[in-house]
Amino acid sequence: MSPKYTHLKSWVDEVKKANWEQPSDIKEQYRSASILKNRRVVFNIKGNDYRLIVSVAYRYQAVYVKFVGTHAEYDAIDAETVEMEH
């Protein structure tokens, strides 16, 4: 398993246990997370080698992945509008 996926799996395991009711709950757990508009959050993965953008539905305790990529790939997208390709 590549390092990106190992670190993503660790993040997923942590998030499954989380109970986020508002953005400050995320910041409490992940100090380096960036809170954006429209319930979006950017996480640094593997020491900031990768970026993960998710949309959080606090009421449903659900997280929707919008983007996973390298820091360079992240710099080339709009974090507030990017959607995962199907």
PDB file of N, CA and C in Angstrom:
ATOM      1  N   MET A   1       0.860  -1.181   0.000  1.00  0.00           N
ATOM      2  CA  MET A   1       0.000   0.000   0.000  1.00  0.00           C
ATOM      3  C   MET A   1       0.902   1.239   0.000  1.00  0.00           C
ATOM      4  N   SER A   2       0.597   2.186  -0.869  1.00  0.00           N
ATOM      5  CA  SER A   2       1.434   3.382  -0.957  1.00  0.00           C
ATOM      6  C   SER A   2       1.285   4.226   0.306  1.00  0.00           C
ATOM      7  N   PRO A   3       2.286   5.063   0.598  1.00  0.00           N
ATOM      8  CA  PRO A   3       2.208   5.909   1.806  1.00  0.00           C
ATOM      9  C   PRO A   3       0.959   6.780   1.849  1.00  0.00           C
ATOM     10  N   LYS A   4       0.546   7.304   0.691  1.00  0.00           N
ATOM     11  CA  LYS A   4      -0.658   8.147   0.672  1.00  0.00           C
ATOM     12  C   LYS A   4      -1.845   7.361   1.208  1.00  0.00           C
ATOM     13  N   TYR A   5      -2.008   6.128   0.730  1.00  0.00           N
ATOM     14  CA  TYR A   5      -3.170   5.345   1.136  1.00  0.00           C
ATOM     15  C   TYR A   5      -3.075   4.880   2.577  1.00  0.00           C
ATOM     16  N   THR A   6      -1.882   4.597   3.051  1.00  0.00           N
ATOM     17  CA  THR A   6      -1.698   4.227   4.448  1.00  0.00           C
ATOM     18  C   THR A   6      -2.123   5.382   5.349  1.00  0.00           C
ATOM     19  N   HIS A   7      -1.688   6.585   5.011  1.00  0.00           N
ATOM     20  CA  HIS A   7      -2.035   7.757   5.813  1.00  0.00           C
ATOM     21  C   HIS A   7      -3.518   8.108   5.664  1.00  0.00           C
ATOM     22  N   LEU A   8      -4.074   7.928   4.473  1.00  0.00           N
ATOM     23  CA  LEU A   8      -5.508   8.177   4.282  1.00  0.00           C
ATOM     24  C   LEU A   8      -6.335   7.188   5.100  1.00  0.00           C
ATOM     25  N   LYS A   9      -5.908   5.930   5.124  1.00  0.00           N
ATOM     26  CA  LYS A   9      -6.641   4.937   5.911  1.00  0.00           C
ATOM     27  C   LYS A   9      -6.614   5.299   7.391  1.00  0.00           C
ATOM     28  N   SER A  10      -5.483   5.770   7.874  1.00  0.00           N
ATOM     29  CA  SER A  10      -5.400   6.204   9.275  1.00  0.00           C
ATOM     30  C   SER A  10      -6.365   7.348   9.534  1.00  0.00           C
ATOM     31  N   TRP A  11      -6.431   8.303   8.596  1.00  0.00           N
ATOM     32  CA  TRP A  11      -7.340   9.440   8.728  1.00  0.00           C
ATOM     33  C   TRP A  11      -8.783   8.936   8.755  1.00  0.00           C
ATOM     34  N   VAL A  12      -9.127   8.035   7.841  1.00  0.00           N
ATOM     35  CA  VAL A  12     -10.490   7.485   7.789  1.00  0.00           C
ATOM     36  C   VAL A  12     -10.843   6.803   9.110  1.00  0.00           C
ATOM     37  N   ASP A  13      -9.928   6.021   9.635  1.00  0.00           N
ATOM     38  CA  ASP A  13     -10.176   5.334  10.909  1.00  0.00           C
ATOM     39  C   ASP A  13     -10.440   6.331  12.036  1.00  0.00           C
ATOM     40  N   GLU A  14      -9.691   7.431  12.062  1.00  0.00           N
ATOM     41  CA  GLU A  14      -9.895   8.460  13.091  1.00  0.00           C
ATOM     42  C   GLU A  14     -11.236   9.162  12.909  1.00  0.00           C
ATOM     43  N   VAL A  15     -11.575   9.463  11.662  1.00  0.00           N
ATOM     44  CA  VAL A  15     -12.816  10.201  11.382  1.00  0.00           C
ATOM     45  C   VAL A  15     -14.043   9.352  11.698  1.00  0.00           C
ATOM     46  N   LYS A  16     -13.951   8.053  11.487  1.00  0.00           N
ATOM     47  CA  LYS A  16     -15.086   7.169  11.818  1.00  0.00           C
ATOM     48  C   LYS A  16     -15.448   7.254  13.298  1.00  0.00           C
ATOM     49  N   LYS A  17     -14.467   7.541  14.133  1.00  0.00           N
ATOM     50  CA  LYS A  17     -14.691   7.643  15.575  1.00  0.00           C
ATOM     51  C   LYS A  17     -15.066   9.057  16.021  1.00  0.00           C
ATOM     52  N   ALA A  18     -14.906  10.027  15.131  1.00  0.00           N
ATOM     53  CA  ALA A  18     -15.130  11.431  15.489  1.00  0.00           C
ATOM     54  C   ALA A  18     -16.619  11.740  15.606  1.00  0.00           C
ATOM     55  N   ASN A  19     -16.911  12.783  16.362  1.00  0.00           N
ATOM     56  CA  ASN A  19     -18.279  13.278  16.506  1.00  0.00           C
ATOM     57  C   ASN A  19     -18.233  14.793  16.300  1.00  0.00           C
ATOM     58  N   TRP A  20     -18.127  15.199  15.051  1.00  0.00           N
ATOM     59  CA  TRP A  20     -18.020  16.615  14.733  1.00  0.00           C
ATOM     60  C   TRP A  20     -19.399  17.234  14.587  1.00  0.00           C
ATOM     61  N   GLU A  21     -19.673  18.232  15.393  1.00  0.00           N
ATOM     62  CA  GLU A  21     -20.942  18.941  15.311  1.00  0.00           C
ATOM     63  C   GLU A  21     -20.790  20.319  14.701  1.00  0.00           C
ATOM     64  N   GLN A  22     -19.554  20.800  14.621  1.00  0.00           N
ATOM     65  CA  GLN A  22     -19.277  22.130  14.067  1.00  0.00           C
ATOM     66  C   GLN A  22     -17.797  22.196  13.687  1.00  0.00           C
ATOM     67  N   PRO A  23     -17.420  23.189  12.863  1.00  0.00           N
ATOM     68  CA  PRO A  23     -16.030  23.293  12.416  1.00  0.00           C
ATOM     69  C   PRO A  23     -14.999  23.339  13.546  1.00  0.00           C
ATOM     70  N   SER A  24     -15.331  23.951  14.661  1.00  0.00           N
ATOM     71  CA  SER A  24     -14.367  24.030  15.763  1.00  0.00           C
ATOM     72  C   SER A  24     -14.014  22.647  16.316  1.00  0.00           C
ATOM     73  N   ASP A  25     -14.933  21.680  16.193  1.00  0.00           N
ATOM     74  CA  ASP A  25     -14.633  20.319  16.624  1.00  0.00           C
ATOM     75  C   ASP A  25     -13.526  19.712  15.761  1.00  0.00           C
ATOM     76  N   ILE A  26     -13.559  20.022  14.483  1.00  0.00           N
ATOM     77  CA  ILE A  26     -12.517  19.537  13.570  1.00  0.00           C
ATOM     78  C   ILE A  26     -11.192  20.187  13.922  1.00  0.00           C
ATOM     79  N   LYS A  27     -11.199  21.497  14.132  1.00  0.00           N
ATOM     80  CA  LYS A  27      -9.969  22.223  14.456  1.00  0.00           C
ATOM     81  C   LYS A  27      -9.361  21.736  15.774  1.00  0.00           C
ATOM     82  N   GLU A  28     -10.207  21.323  16.686  1.00  0.00           N
ATOM     83  CA  GLU A  28      -9.719  20.796  17.962  1.00  0.00           C
ATOM     84  C   GLU A  28      -8.949  19.496  17.750  1.00  0.00           C
ATOM     85  N   GLN A  29      -9.436  18.669  16.827  1.00  0.00           N
ATOM     86  CA  GLN A  29      -8.792  17.384  16.551  1.00  0.00           C
ATOM     87  C   GLN A  29      -7.634  17.524  15.566  1.00  0.00           C
ATOM     88  N   TYR A  30      -7.790  18.404  14.580  1.00  0.00           N
ATOM     89  CA  TYR A  30      -6.786  18.596  13.532  1.00  0.00           C
ATOM     90  C   TYR A  30      -6.445  20.081  13.443  1.00  0.00           C
ATOM     91  N   ARG A  31      -5.471  20.512  14.174  1.00  0.00           N
ATOM     92  CA  ARG A  31      -5.109  21.930  14.232  1.00  0.00           C
ATOM     93  C   ARG A  31      -4.738  22.505  12.866  1.00  0.00           C
ATOM     94  N   SER A  32      -4.149  21.675  11.988  1.00  0.00           N
ATOM     95  CA  SER A  32      -3.706  22.186  10.694  1.00  0.00           C
ATOM     96  C   SER A  32      -4.812  22.176   9.634  1.00  0.00           C
ATOM     97  N   ALA A  33      -5.993  21.687   9.970  1.00  0.00           N
ATOM     98  CA  ALA A  33      -7.099  21.678   9.005  1.00  0.00           C
ATOM     99  C   ALA A  33      -7.501  23.109   8.676  1.00  0.00           C
ATOM    100  N   SER A  34      -7.891  23.317   7.428  1.00  0.00           N
ATOM    101  CA  SER A  34      -8.359  24.633   6.984  1.00  0.00           C
ATOM    102  C   SER A  34      -9.857  24.552   6.733  1.00  0.00           C
ATOM    103  N   ILE A  35     -10.616  25.407   7.399  1.00  0.00           N
ATOM    104  CA  ILE A  35     -12.065  25.438   7.246  1.00  0.00           C
ATOM    105  C   ILE A  35     -12.398  26.406   6.113  1.00  0.00           C
ATOM    106  N   LEU A  36     -13.119  25.917   5.102  1.00  0.00           N
ATOM    107  CA  LEU A  36     -13.521  26.738   3.963  1.00  0.00           C
ATOM    108  C   LEU A  36     -15.021  26.984   4.011  1.00  0.00           C
ATOM    109  N   LYS A  37     -15.514  27.688   3.008  1.00  0.00           N
ATOM    110  CA  LYS A  37     -16.959  27.914   2.879  1.00  0.00           C
ATOM    111  C   LYS A  37     -17.656  26.611   2.502  1.00  0.00           C
ATOM    112  N   ASN A  38     -18.975  26.613   2.612  1.00  0.00           N
ATOM    113  CA  ASN A  38     -19.812  25.485   2.175  1.00  0.00           C
ATOM    114  C   ASN A  38     -19.451  24.168   2.854  1.00  0.00           C
ATOM    115  N   ARG A  39     -19.128  24.226   4.145  1.00  0.00           N
ATOM    116  CA  ARG A  39     -18.845  23.039   4.957  1.00  0.00           C
ATOM    117  C   ARG A  39     -17.634  22.252   4.464  1.00  0.00           C
ATOM    118  N   ARG A  40     -16.781  22.883   3.678  1.00  0.00           N
ATOM    119  CA  ARG A  40     -15.587  22.188   3.181  1.00  0.00           C
ATOM    120  C   ARG A  40     -14.416  22.364   4.141  1.00  0.00           C
ATOM    121  N   VAL A  41     -13.585  21.304   4.192  1.00  0.00           N
ATOM    122  CA  VAL A  41     -12.414  21.316   5.052  1.00  0.00           C
ATOM    123  C   VAL A  41     -11.247  20.713   4.275  1.00  0.00           C
ATOM    124  N   VAL A  42     -10.074  21.327   4.432  1.00  0.00           N
ATOM    125  CA  VAL A  42      -8.852  20.812   3.814  1.00  0.00           C
ATOM    126  C   VAL A  42      -7.984  20.217   4.919  1.00  0.00           C
ATOM    127  N   PHE A  43      -7.558  18.974   4.699  1.00  0.00           N
ATOM    128  CA  PHE A  43      -6.675  18.285   5.632  1.00  0.00           C
ATOM    129  C   PHE A  43      -5.318  18.056   4.981  1.00  0.00           C
ATOM    130  N   ASN A  44      -4.280  18.183   5.765  1.00  0.00           N
ATOM    131  CA  ASN A  44      -2.928  17.841   5.321  1.00  0.00           C
ATOM    132  C   ASN A  44      -2.704  16.371   5.659  1.00  0.00           C
ATOM    133  N   ILE A  45      -2.281  15.605   4.667  1.00  0.00           N
ATOM    134  CA  ILE A  45      -2.051  14.174   4.844  1.00  0.00           C
ATOM    135  C   ILE A  45      -0.566  13.891   4.625  1.00  0.00           C
ATOM    136  N   LYS A  46      -0.022  13.038   5.464  1.00  0.00           N
ATOM    137  CA  LYS A  46       1.387  12.626   5.382  1.00  0.00           C
ATOM    138  C   LYS A  46       2.317  13.847   5.397  1.00  0.00           C
ATOM    139  N   GLY A  47       2.216  14.593   6.476  1.00  0.00           N
ATOM    140  CA  GLY A  47       3.110  15.740   6.644  1.00  0.00           C
ATOM    141  C   GLY A  47       2.960  16.789   5.570  1.00  0.00           C
ATOM    142  N   ASN A  48       1.747  16.952   5.057  1.00  0.00           N
ATOM    143  CA  ASN A  48       1.428  17.953   4.041  1.00  0.00           C
ATOM    144  C   ASN A  48       1.923  17.557   2.654  1.00  0.00           C
ATOM    145  N   ASP A  49       2.316  16.300   2.458  1.00  0.00           N
ATOM    146  CA  ASP A  49       2.670  15.834   1.110  1.00  0.00           C
ATOM    147  C   ASP A  49       1.417  15.753   0.240  1.00  0.00           C
ATOM    148  N   TYR A  50       0.287  15.464   0.887  1.00  0.00           N
ATOM    149  CA  TYR A  50      -0.979  15.335   0.176  1.00  0.00           C
ATOM    150  C   TYR A  50      -2.016  16.227   0.819  1.00  0.00           C
ATOM    151  N   ARG A  51      -3.019  16.584   0.017  1.00  0.00           N
ATOM    152  CA  ARG A  51      -4.141  17.368   0.518  1.00  0.00           C
ATOM    153  C   ARG A  51      -5.428  16.588   0.277  1.00  0.00           C
ATOM    154  N   LEU A  52      -6.311  16.673   1.233  1.00  0.00           N
ATOM    155  CA  LEU A  52      -7.614  16.023   1.177  1.00  0.00           C
ATOM    156  C   LEU A  52      -8.664  17.097   1.428  1.00  0.00           C
ATOM    157  N   ILE A  53      -9.610  17.213   0.509  1.00  0.00           N
ATOM    158  CA  ILE A  53     -10.722  18.154   0.690  1.00  0.00           C
ATOM    159  C   ILE A  53     -11.986  17.334   0.863  1.00  0.00           C
ATOM    160  N   VAL A  54     -12.725  17.651   1.910  1.00  0.00           N
ATOM    161  CA  VAL A  54     -13.993  16.974   2.160  1.00  0.00           C
ATOM    162  C   VAL A  54     -15.087  18.000   2.414  1.00  0.00           C
ATOM    163  N   SER A  55     -16.305  17.549   2.244  1.00  0.00           N
ATOM    164  CA  SER A  55     -17.478  18.316   2.644  1.00  0.00           C
ATOM    165  C   SER A  55     -18.081  17.567   3.822  1.00  0.00           C
ATOM    166  N   VAL A  56     -18.392  18.286   4.886  1.00  0.00           N
ATOM    167  CA  VAL A  56     -18.888  17.655   6.105  1.00  0.00           C
ATOM    168  C   VAL A  56     -20.375  17.966   6.286  1.00  0.00           C
ATOM    169  N   ALA A  57     -21.170  16.915   6.421  1.00  0.00           N
ATOM    170  CA  ALA A  57     -22.592  17.062   6.748  1.00  0.00           C
ATOM    171  C   ALA A  57     -22.707  16.791   8.244  1.00  0.00           C
ATOM    172  N   TYR A  58     -22.586  17.844   9.027  1.00  0.00           N
ATOM    173  CA  TYR A  58     -22.529  17.701  10.487  1.00  0.00           C
ATOM    174  C   TYR A  58     -23.766  17.004  11.045  1.00  0.00           C
ATOM    175  N   ARG A  59     -24.932  17.354  10.550  1.00  0.00           N
ATOM    176  CA  ARG A  59     -26.176  16.779  11.062  1.00  0.00           C
ATOM    177  C   ARG A  59     -26.194  15.260  10.897  1.00  0.00           C
ATOM    178  N   TYR A  60     -25.641  14.766   9.792  1.00  0.00           N
ATOM    179  CA  TYR A  60     -25.677  13.332   9.494  1.00  0.00           C
ATOM    180  C   TYR A  60     -24.379  12.612   9.864  1.00  0.00           C
ATOM    181  N   GLN A  61     -23.401  13.370  10.384  1.00  0.00           N
ATOM    182  CA  GLN A  61     -22.107  12.791  10.723  1.00  0.00           C
ATOM    183  C   GLN A  61     -21.507  12.071   9.516  1.00  0.00           C
ATOM    184  N   ALA A  62     -21.587  12.753   8.365  1.00  0.00           N
ATOM    185  CA  ALA A  62     -21.071  12.189   7.113  1.00  0.00           C
ATOM    186  C   ALA A  62     -19.998  13.103   6.539  1.00  0.00           C
ATOM    187  N   VAL A  63     -19.035  12.486   5.871  1.00  0.00           N
ATOM    188  CA  VAL A  63     -17.935  13.214   5.239  1.00  0.00           C
ATOM    189  C   VAL A  63     -17.868  12.759   3.785  1.00  0.00           C
ATOM    190  N   TYR A  64     -17.878  13.708   2.858  1.00  0.00           N
ATOM    191  CA  TYR A  64     -17.839  13.414   1.432  1.00  0.00           C
ATOM    192  C   TYR A  64     -16.516  13.898   0.858  1.00  0.00           C
ATOM    193  N   VAL A  65     -15.754  12.995   0.266  1.00  0.00           N
ATOM    194  CA  VAL A  65     -14.459  13.347  -0.307  1.00  0.00           C
ATOM    195  C   VAL A  65     -14.673  14.096  -1.613  1.00  0.00           C
ATOM    196  N   LYS A  66     -14.025  15.253  -1.722  1.00  0.00           N
ATOM    197  CA  LYS A  66     -14.118  16.086  -2.920  1.00  0.00           C
ATOM    198  C   LYS A  66     -12.827  16.065  -3.732  1.00  0.00           C
ATOM    199  N   PHE A  67     -11.689  15.823  -3.048  1.00  0.00           N
ATOM    200  CA  PHE A  67     -10.396  15.844  -3.731  1.00  0.00           C
ATOM    201  C   PHE A  67      -9.350  15.167  -2.867  1.00  0.00           C
ATOM    202  N   VAL A  68      -8.473  14.387  -3.513  1.00  0.00           N
ATOM    203  CA  VAL A  68      -7.279  13.846  -2.877  1.00  0.00           C
ATOM    204  C   VAL A  68      -6.157  14.010  -3.889  1.00  0.00           C
ATOM    205  N   GLY A  69      -5.073  14.651  -3.486  1.00  0.00           N
ATOM    206  CA  GLY A  69      -3.965  14.821  -4.415  1.00  0.00           C
ATOM    207  C   GLY A  69      -2.733  15.368  -3.728  1.00  0.00           C
ATOM    208  N   THR A  70      -1.682  15.510  -4.521  1.00  0.00           N
ATOM    209  CA  THR A  70      -0.441  16.071  -4.001  1.00  0.00           C
ATOM    210  C   THR A  70      -0.632  17.558  -3.732  1.00  0.00           C
ATOM    211  N   HIS A  71       0.314  18.115  -3.029  1.00  0.00           N
ATOM    212  CA  HIS A  71       0.259  19.551  -2.756  1.00  0.00           C
ATOM    213  C   HIS A  71       0.255  20.328  -4.071  1.00  0.00           C
ATOM    214  N   ALA A  72       1.066  19.908  -5.038  1.00  0.00           N
ATOM    215  CA  ALA A  72       1.120  20.587  -6.344  1.00  0.00           C
ATOM    216  C   ALA A  72      -0.219  20.483  -7.074  1.00  0.00           C
ATOM    217  N   GLU A  73      -0.864  19.316  -7.024  1.00  0.00           N
ATOM    218  CA  GLU A  73      -2.176  19.153  -7.655  1.00  0.00           C
ATOM    219  C   GLU A  73      -3.207  20.038  -6.964  1.00  0.00           C
ATOM    220  N   TYR A  74      -3.118  20.135  -5.658  1.00  0.00           N
ATOM    221  CA  TYR A  74      -4.021  20.985  -4.879  1.00  0.00           C
ATOM    222  C   TYR A  74      -3.881  22.445  -5.304  1.00  0.00           C
ATOM    223  N   ASP A  75      -2.649  22.877  -5.521  1.00  0.00           N
ATOM    224  CA  ASP A  75      -2.418  24.266  -5.917  1.00  0.00           C
ATOM    225  C   ASP A  75      -3.048  24.606  -7.263  1.00  0.00           C
ATOM    226  N   ALA A  76      -3.360  23.589  -8.073  1.00  0.00           N
ATOM    227  CA  ALA A  76      -3.905  23.809  -9.411  1.00  0.00           C
ATOM    228  C   ALA A  76      -5.433  23.778  -9.459  1.00  0.00           C
ATOM    229  N   ILE A  77      -6.084  23.547  -8.318  1.00  0.00           N
ATOM    230  CA  ILE A  77      -7.550  23.443  -8.313  1.00  0.00           C
ATOM    231  C   ILE A  77      -8.153  24.528  -7.426  1.00  0.00           C
ATOM    232  N   ASP A  78      -9.472  24.670  -7.522  1.00  0.00           N
ATOM    233  CA  ASP A  78     -10.213  25.580  -6.638  1.00  0.00           C
ATOM    234  C   ASP A  78     -10.826  24.729  -5.527  1.00  0.00           C
ATOM    235  N   ALA A  79     -10.287  24.848  -4.334  1.00  0.00           N
ATOM    236  CA  ALA A  79     -10.699  24.001  -3.207  1.00  0.00           C
ATOM    237  C   ALA A  79     -12.176  24.172  -2.843  1.00  0.00           C
ATOM    238  N   GLU A  80     -12.748  25.310  -3.196  1.00  0.00           N
ATOM    239  CA  GLU A  80     -14.142  25.567  -2.815  1.00  0.00           C
ATOM    240  C   GLU A  80     -15.150  24.998  -3.811  1.00  0.00           C
ATOM    241  N   THR A  81     -14.683  24.549  -4.986  1.00  0.00           N
ATOM    242  CA  THR A  81     -15.624  24.038  -5.984  1.00  0.00           C
ATOM    243  C   THR A  81     -15.256  22.672  -6.545  1.00  0.00           C
ATOM    244  N   VAL A  82     -14.061  22.192  -6.301  1.00  0.00           N
ATOM    245  CA  VAL A  82     -13.628  20.917  -6.892  1.00  0.00           C
ATOM    246  C   VAL A  82     -14.544  19.775  -6.477  1.00  0.00           C
ATOM    247  N   GLU A  83     -14.759  18.845  -7.403  1.00  0.00           N
ATOM    248  CA  GLU A  83     -15.552  17.651  -7.144  1.00  0.00           C
ATOM    249  C   GLU A  83     -14.738  16.450  -7.602  1.00  0.00           C
ATOM    250  N   MET A  84     -14.928  15.320  -6.944  1.00  0.00           N
ATOM    251  CA  MET A  84     -14.254  14.078  -7.360  1.00  0.00           C
ATOM    252  C   MET A  84     -14.736  13.692  -8.754  1.00  0.00           C
ATOM    253  N   GLU A  85     -13.803  13.225  -9.568  1.00  0.00           N
ATOM    254  CA  GLU A  85     -14.184  12.722 -10.888  1.00  0.00           C
ATOM    255  C   GLU A  85     -14.692  11.307 -10.732  1.00  0.00           C
ATOM    256  N   HIS A  86     -15.643  10.959 -11.558  1.00  0.00           N
ATOM    257  CA  HIS A  86     -16.240   9.607 -11.488  1.00  0.00           C
ATOM    258  C   HIS A  86     -15.547   8.707 -12.458  1.00  0.00           C
TER     259      HIS A  86
END
